Amino acid sequence: MRIDDDDDFPSVRRGPGCVTVVLLSALTSALVSAGTVVAMQRYGWERLLGGGAQHARAAAETARVRVPRFAGMAEAAARDLAKTLNLRVEVRSRRTAEAPAGSVLEQEPSPFTKVARGQTIEIVLSEGPPGAPVTVPDLLGKPIEVAQAALADAGLRVSRIDQTGRGSPGTVTGMVPRQGETAPTGSGVLLVISPRPDGGVAAAGGAPVAGAVDAGTGAAAPAGSVEVPNVVGTQVRNARTALTQAGLAVGRVREVYDENRGRLVVIRQTPAAHARVARGTRVELIVNQGD
C-alpha cells in the first residue's frame, strides 16, 4: 500500500507502522458497522414483535366500551344510547319517590365501567312514589293471564275472580274498579271472567291455571305450546335463563320490597307456573328489591 502526502490521509506518515494503523482503523470501522447492523436488525425485530402485541392490545381495547351514565334518562333515551354503543338493556321497575316516574333510577354495571360490546346493562326505572294513584287499564275481552300481567305492570293486583256465563271463554267480562278509573298503587281489582270449557281459571295472585290454554287467546293451547316453568323463589337472572330455555320471553320485571325475601328473588310470575302457553309468550316477573 502506497501513501503519498497528497493522499486522503495527510496525517499518516510514511513508516513501517503506517500499514498497521490503517488496517486497524479499517477493521475497527468494519466491526462498528457490523455491530450497528446487528443492533438495528435486533431492534427491528423487537419493534415488529412488540408492534404485533400492541396491535392485539389495541384491538381488544377497541372491542370494549365505557358504560355511560343512564341515571335520570327516560327508558327510550337509555335504550337508544345503549344501542349506539352496541350494548343490550334489561329493564326492571320500582315504586319510589327518589326519581320521576319513567326515568332511570339505577344501573348495573356502574357508569364509566369498561365492558365488552354486546354486554347486557340492567337498568331500574322509577314507577313514581309508592301509593300514588294509577289508572286502571282496560281489561275487557282480554284473556285472564293477559289481564293479570297488565294489572301487575300497572302496579295493581287481582283481588278476586268471579265467573259468569257470558263472553268468550277465559276472557274478562267485567271489572271493579272500571277501566279508566284511578286506584291506589298495590290495590286489588275484582275481575269477572267467562269460564273455560274445562272449568279452568287463573286464581288471584297467580295460582296455576287448570287445562292447556293459550295466554294470548284464552283458547285451548296449540300442539306447539310450552309449559311455563316455576321461577318463583329463584334469582331473576336464573329465571331469565329458565324462561328463555323453555322458549318463552321475559316481559316487564317489577321490584317490590319484602324484608323476608332475598335480593332480586322472584316473588310472583304471570302467567303462573305450569300453565300451557304459546311459544314466545312474555312472562311478567315481580322480584324483591332487597337491601
Protein backbone atom coordinates (compact mmCIF):
# COMPACT_ATOMS: atom_id res chain seq x y z
CA MET A 1 0.00 0.00 0.00
CA ARG A 2 1.35 3.41 -1.04
CA ILE A 3 0.54 6.58 0.79
CA ASP A 4 1.57 9.99 -0.51
CA ASP A 5 1.42 13.33 1.17
CA ASP A 6 -1.48 14.32 -1.06
CA ASP A 7 -3.50 11.21 -0.24
CA ASP A 8 -6.72 11.32 1.74
CA PHE A 9 -4.74 10.58 4.92
CA PRO A 10 -2.38 13.53 5.22
CA SER A 11 -1.90 12.97 8.93
CA VAL A 12 -0.44 9.48 8.43
CA ARG A 13 3.29 9.49 7.86
CA ARG A 14 5.31 7.01 5.95
CA GLY A 15 6.93 4.36 8.03
CA PRO A 16 6.85 0.74 8.99
CA GLY A 17 3.73 1.13 11.22
CA CYS A 18 1.57 3.08 8.82
CA VAL A 19 0.07 0.00 7.19
CA THR A 20 -0.76 -1.47 10.59
CA VAL A 21 -2.53 1.73 11.66
CA VAL A 22 -4.61 1.81 8.52
CA LEU A 23 -5.56 -1.84 8.83
CA LEU A 24 -6.57 -1.43 12.46
CA SER A 25 -8.66 1.60 11.56
CA ALA A 26 -10.40 -0.25 8.75
CA LEU A 27 -11.03 -3.28 10.99
CA THR A 28 -12.48 -1.10 13.74
CA SER A 29 -14.81 0.62 11.26
CA ALA A 30 -15.96 -2.74 9.95
CA LEU A 31 -16.68 -4.07 13.43
CA VAL A 32 -18.62 -0.94 14.37
CA SER A 33 -20.64 -1.15 11.19
CA ALA A 34 -21.40 -4.82 11.74
CA GLY A 35 -22.47 -4.14 15.30
CA THR A 36 -24.71 -1.35 14.12
CA VAL A 37 -26.39 -3.64 11.57
CA VAL A 38 -26.93 -6.37 14.17
CA ALA A 39 -28.33 -3.86 16.66
CA MET A 40 -30.64 -2.40 14.03
CA GLN A 41 -31.82 -5.84 12.98
CA ARG A 42 -32.48 -6.81 16.58
CA TYR A 43 -34.24 -3.54 17.25
CA GLY A 44 -36.29 -4.00 14.11
CA TRP A 45 -37.44 -7.49 15.17
CA GLU A 46 -38.28 -6.27 18.64
CA ARG A 47 -40.33 -3.46 17.14
CA LEU A 48 -42.05 -5.91 14.82
CA LEU A 49 -42.89 -8.33 17.62
CA GLY A 50 -43.77 -5.56 20.04
CA GLY A 51 -45.93 -3.89 17.42
CA GLY A 52 -47.96 -7.10 17.00
CA ALA A 53 -48.63 -7.27 20.72
CA GLN A 54 -49.53 -3.60 20.79
CA HIS A 55 -51.88 -4.13 17.86
CA ALA A 56 -53.58 -7.03 19.67
CA ARG A 57 -53.99 -4.93 22.80
CA ALA A 58 -55.39 -2.05 20.76
CA ALA A 59 -57.88 -4.39 19.04
CA ALA A 60 -59.01 -5.78 22.40
CA GLU A 61 -59.42 -2.27 23.75
CA THR A 62 -61.50 -1.29 20.72
CA ALA A 63 -63.86 -4.20 21.45
CA ARG A 64 -64.63 -2.65 24.85
CA VAL A 65 -66.74 0.39 25.60
CA ARG A 66 -67.21 2.66 28.60
CA VAL A 67 -70.69 2.36 30.15
CA PRO A 68 -72.47 5.73 30.08
CA ARG A 69 -74.46 7.21 32.94
CA PHE A 70 -78.15 6.39 32.38
CA ALA A 71 -79.46 7.91 35.65
CA GLY A 72 -82.27 10.39 35.04
CA MET A 73 -82.80 9.36 31.43
CA ALA A 74 -86.14 8.13 30.06
CA GLU A 75 -86.30 4.46 29.09
CA ALA A 76 -86.43 5.17 25.34
CA ALA A 77 -83.43 7.51 25.52
CA ALA A 78 -81.45 4.97 27.56
CA ARG A 79 -82.20 2.22 25.05
CA ASP A 80 -81.20 4.44 22.12
CA LEU A 81 -77.91 5.39 23.77
CA ALA A 82 -77.12 1.77 24.62
CA LYS A 83 -77.88 0.75 21.04
CA THR A 84 -75.38 3.27 19.63
CA LEU A 85 -72.69 1.66 21.83
CA ASN A 86 -73.74 -1.88 20.87
CA LEU A 87 -74.93 -2.66 24.40
CA ARG A 88 -78.06 -4.58 25.43
CA VAL A 89 -80.56 -3.36 28.02
CA GLU A 90 -82.70 -5.26 30.52
CA VAL A 91 -85.28 -3.28 32.46
CA ARG A 92 -86.67 -3.62 35.96
CA SER A 93 -89.00 -1.12 37.61
CA ARG A 94 -89.63 0.01 41.17
CA ARG A 95 -92.05 2.24 43.04
CA THR A 96 -90.00 5.05 44.55
CA ALA A 97 -90.04 8.79 45.17
CA GLU A 98 -86.29 9.05 44.50
CA ALA A 99 -86.75 9.74 40.78
CA PRO A 100 -89.56 10.87 38.46
CA ALA A 101 -91.74 8.13 37.04
CA GLY A 102 -90.32 6.64 33.86
CA SER A 103 -86.73 7.72 34.49
CA VAL A 104 -83.71 5.53 35.20
CA LEU A 105 -83.03 5.14 38.91
CA GLU A 106 -80.13 2.67 38.99
CA GLN A 107 -77.91 0.71 36.64
CA GLU A 108 -75.51 -2.21 36.71
CA PRO A 109 -72.62 -2.11 35.80
CA SER A 110 -71.98 1.35 37.19
CA PRO A 111 -71.20 4.35 34.94
CA PHE A 112 -67.77 4.57 33.28
CA THR A 113 -67.06 0.86 33.76
CA LYS A 114 -65.42 -0.66 30.67
CA VAL A 115 -67.29 -3.68 29.30
CA ALA A 116 -67.28 -5.76 26.14
CA ARG A 117 -69.53 -4.61 23.33
CA GLY A 118 -72.77 -6.60 23.34
CA GLN A 119 -72.89 -6.91 27.13
CA THR A 120 -76.22 -6.50 28.90
CA ILE A 121 -76.78 -3.45 31.10
CA GLU A 122 -79.50 -3.70 33.74
CA ILE A 123 -81.42 -0.51 34.46
CA VAL A 124 -84.09 0.14 37.09
CA LEU A 125 -86.91 2.51 36.15
CA SER A 126 -88.87 4.55 38.66
CA GLU A 127 -92.64 4.00 38.71
CA GLY A 128 -93.21 7.05 40.88
CA PRO A 129 -93.90 7.34 44.61
CA PRO A 130 -95.45 4.36 46.42
CA GLY A 131 -99.18 4.75 46.94
CA ALA A 132 -99.56 7.17 44.04
CA PRO A 133 -102.85 6.65 42.20
CA VAL A 134 -102.65 4.74 38.94
CA THR A 135 -105.11 4.36 36.10
CA VAL A 136 -106.85 1.01 35.88
CA PRO A 137 -106.12 -0.49 32.44
CA ASP A 138 -108.83 -1.68 30.07
CA LEU A 139 -109.01 -5.45 30.52
CA LEU A 140 -112.40 -6.22 28.95
CA GLY A 141 -112.21 -9.03 26.42
CA LYS A 142 -108.63 -9.93 27.34
CA PRO A 143 -107.57 -13.44 28.43
CA ILE A 144 -107.26 -13.74 32.18
CA GLU A 145 -103.49 -14.32 32.00
CA VAL A 146 -103.00 -11.17 29.94
CA ALA A 147 -105.24 -9.23 32.35
CA GLN A 148 -103.16 -10.34 35.34
CA ALA A 149 -99.95 -9.26 33.61
CA ALA A 150 -101.45 -5.88 32.69
CA LEU A 151 -102.51 -5.25 36.27
CA ALA A 152 -99.07 -6.20 37.60
CA ASP A 153 -97.49 -3.87 35.06
CA ALA A 154 -99.75 -1.04 36.26
CA GLY A 155 -98.84 -1.67 39.91
CA LEU A 156 -102.16 -3.34 40.74
CA ARG A 157 -103.19 -6.90 41.57
CA VAL A 158 -106.14 -9.25 41.21
CA SER A 159 -108.16 -9.27 44.42
CA ARG A 160 -110.83 -11.79 43.36
CA ILE A 161 -112.07 -13.62 40.27
CA ASP A 162 -115.78 -14.25 39.73
CA GLN A 163 -117.31 -16.20 36.87
CA THR A 164 -120.21 -15.50 34.55
CA GLY A 165 -121.66 -17.43 31.64
CA ARG A 166 -121.36 -14.54 29.17
CA GLY A 167 -118.47 -13.66 26.85
CA SER A 168 -115.69 -15.65 25.21
CA PRO A 169 -114.34 -18.46 27.42
CA GLY A 170 -111.40 -17.44 29.59
CA THR A 171 -111.77 -13.68 28.96
CA VAL A 172 -112.59 -10.75 31.23
CA THR A 173 -116.22 -9.61 31.00
CA GLY A 174 -116.26 -7.16 33.93
CA MET A 175 -114.04 -5.44 36.47
CA VAL A 176 -114.18 -3.28 39.60
CA PRO A 177 -112.87 -0.58 39.63
CA ARG A 178 -113.73 0.03 35.96
CA GLN A 179 -111.20 0.74 33.26
CA GLY A 180 -110.02 4.36 33.24
CA GLU A 181 -110.68 4.92 36.94
CA THR A 182 -107.85 5.50 39.39
CA ALA A 183 -106.83 3.25 42.24
CA PRO A 184 -104.03 3.37 44.84
CA THR A 185 -100.86 1.54 43.87
CA GLY A 186 -100.90 -2.04 45.11
CA SER A 187 -104.67 -2.17 45.49
CA GLY A 188 -106.76 -5.05 44.15
CA VAL A 189 -109.09 -5.27 41.18
CA LEU A 190 -112.04 -7.67 41.04
CA LEU A 191 -112.27 -9.46 37.71
CA VAL A 192 -115.31 -11.20 36.24
CA ILE A 193 -114.49 -13.79 33.60
CA SER A 194 -116.31 -16.29 31.43
CA PRO A 195 -115.31 -19.85 32.43
CA ARG A 196 -113.47 -22.10 30.01
CA PRO A 197 -115.00 -25.37 28.83
CA ASP A 198 -112.54 -27.30 31.00
CA GLY A 199 -113.58 -25.24 34.00
CA GLY A 200 -110.06 -23.90 34.48
CA VAL A 201 -109.49 -20.30 35.57
CA ALA A 202 -106.44 -18.48 36.83
CA ALA A 203 -106.73 -17.82 40.54
CA ALA A 204 -105.94 -14.47 42.08
CA GLY A 205 -102.27 -13.99 42.92
CA GLY A 206 -101.05 -16.12 40.02
CA ALA A 207 -102.13 -19.63 41.03
CA PRO A 208 -101.81 -22.35 38.40
CA VAL A 209 -104.34 -22.48 35.58
CA ALA A 210 -106.14 -25.75 35.01
CA GLY A 211 -106.15 -27.08 31.47
CA ALA A 212 -103.93 -26.33 28.49
CA VAL A 213 -104.67 -22.78 27.39
CA ASP A 214 -103.00 -20.14 25.26
CA ALA A 215 -102.28 -16.98 27.28
CA GLY A 216 -102.62 -14.94 24.10
CA THR A 217 -106.14 -16.13 23.20
CA GLY A 218 -107.58 -17.93 26.21
CA ALA A 219 -108.45 -20.85 23.93
CA ALA A 220 -107.11 -24.38 24.04
CA ALA A 221 -103.36 -24.35 23.64
CA PRO A 222 -101.99 -25.45 20.25
CA ALA A 223 -99.84 -28.52 19.84
CA GLY A 224 -96.70 -26.35 19.83
CA SER A 225 -97.44 -24.79 23.21
CA VAL A 226 -94.95 -24.92 26.08
CA GLU A 227 -95.29 -25.22 29.83
CA VAL A 228 -94.31 -22.20 31.91
CA PRO A 229 -91.56 -23.19 34.36
CA ASN A 230 -91.83 -22.27 38.01
CA VAL A 231 -89.30 -19.49 38.63
CA VAL A 232 -90.72 -18.17 41.91
CA GLY A 233 -88.02 -18.23 44.57
CA THR A 234 -85.14 -18.07 42.09
CA GLN A 235 -82.80 -15.19 41.30
CA VAL A 236 -84.08 -13.05 38.45
CA ARG A 237 -81.07 -13.88 36.26
CA ASN A 238 -81.69 -17.60 36.71
CA ALA A 239 -85.37 -17.01 35.98
CA ARG A 240 -84.48 -15.31 32.69
CA THR A 241 -82.35 -18.28 31.71
CA ALA A 242 -85.05 -20.82 32.61
CA LEU A 243 -87.75 -18.94 30.71
CA THR A 244 -85.56 -18.50 27.64
CA GLN A 245 -84.65 -22.18 27.61
CA ALA A 246 -88.37 -23.00 27.80
CA GLY A 247 -88.99 -20.99 24.63
CA LEU A 248 -90.56 -18.03 26.43
CA ALA A 249 -89.64 -14.36 26.76
CA VAL A 250 -89.28 -12.13 29.81
CA GLY A 251 -91.75 -9.27 29.99
CA ARG A 252 -91.75 -6.40 32.44
CA VAL A 253 -89.83 -7.04 35.66
CA ARG A 254 -91.10 -5.02 38.63
CA GLU A 255 -89.43 -4.61 42.02
CA VAL A 256 -91.19 -4.56 45.37
CA TYR A 257 -89.74 -4.68 48.87
CA ASP A 258 -90.11 -7.75 51.07
CA GLU A 259 -87.79 -7.96 54.07
CA ASN A 260 -88.36 -11.71 54.27
CA ARG A 261 -87.05 -12.43 50.77
CA GLY A 262 -83.58 -12.32 49.28
CA ARG A 263 -82.50 -9.54 46.95
CA LEU A 264 -83.71 -9.90 43.34
CA VAL A 265 -85.58 -13.12 44.13
CA VAL A 266 -88.73 -13.70 42.05
CA ILE A 267 -91.86 -13.31 44.22
CA ARG A 268 -94.54 -13.72 41.56
CA GLN A 269 -94.84 -14.63 37.91
CA THR A 270 -97.57 -14.19 35.31
CA PRO A 271 -98.59 -16.47 33.59
CA ALA A 272 -98.32 -18.83 36.53
CA ALA A 273 -96.10 -21.88 36.69
CA HIS A 274 -97.25 -24.98 34.76
CA ALA A 275 -99.68 -23.06 32.55
CA ARG A 276 -99.58 -24.06 28.87
CA VAL A 277 -98.94 -21.04 26.69
CA ALA A 278 -97.89 -20.25 23.13
CA ARG A 279 -94.15 -20.33 22.47
CA GLY A 280 -92.65 -16.85 22.77
CA THR A 281 -95.19 -15.65 25.37
CA ARG A 282 -93.83 -12.94 27.66
CA VAL A 283 -93.76 -13.79 31.36
CA GLU A 284 -94.06 -10.87 33.77
CA LEU A 285 -91.97 -11.07 36.93
CA ILE A 286 -92.18 -9.35 40.30
CA VAL A 287 -88.90 -9.51 42.22
CA ASN A 288 -87.77 -8.40 45.64
CA GLN A 289 -85.77 -5.19 45.71
CA GLY A 290 -83.93 -6.30 48.83
CA ASP A 291 -81.27 -4.31 50.69
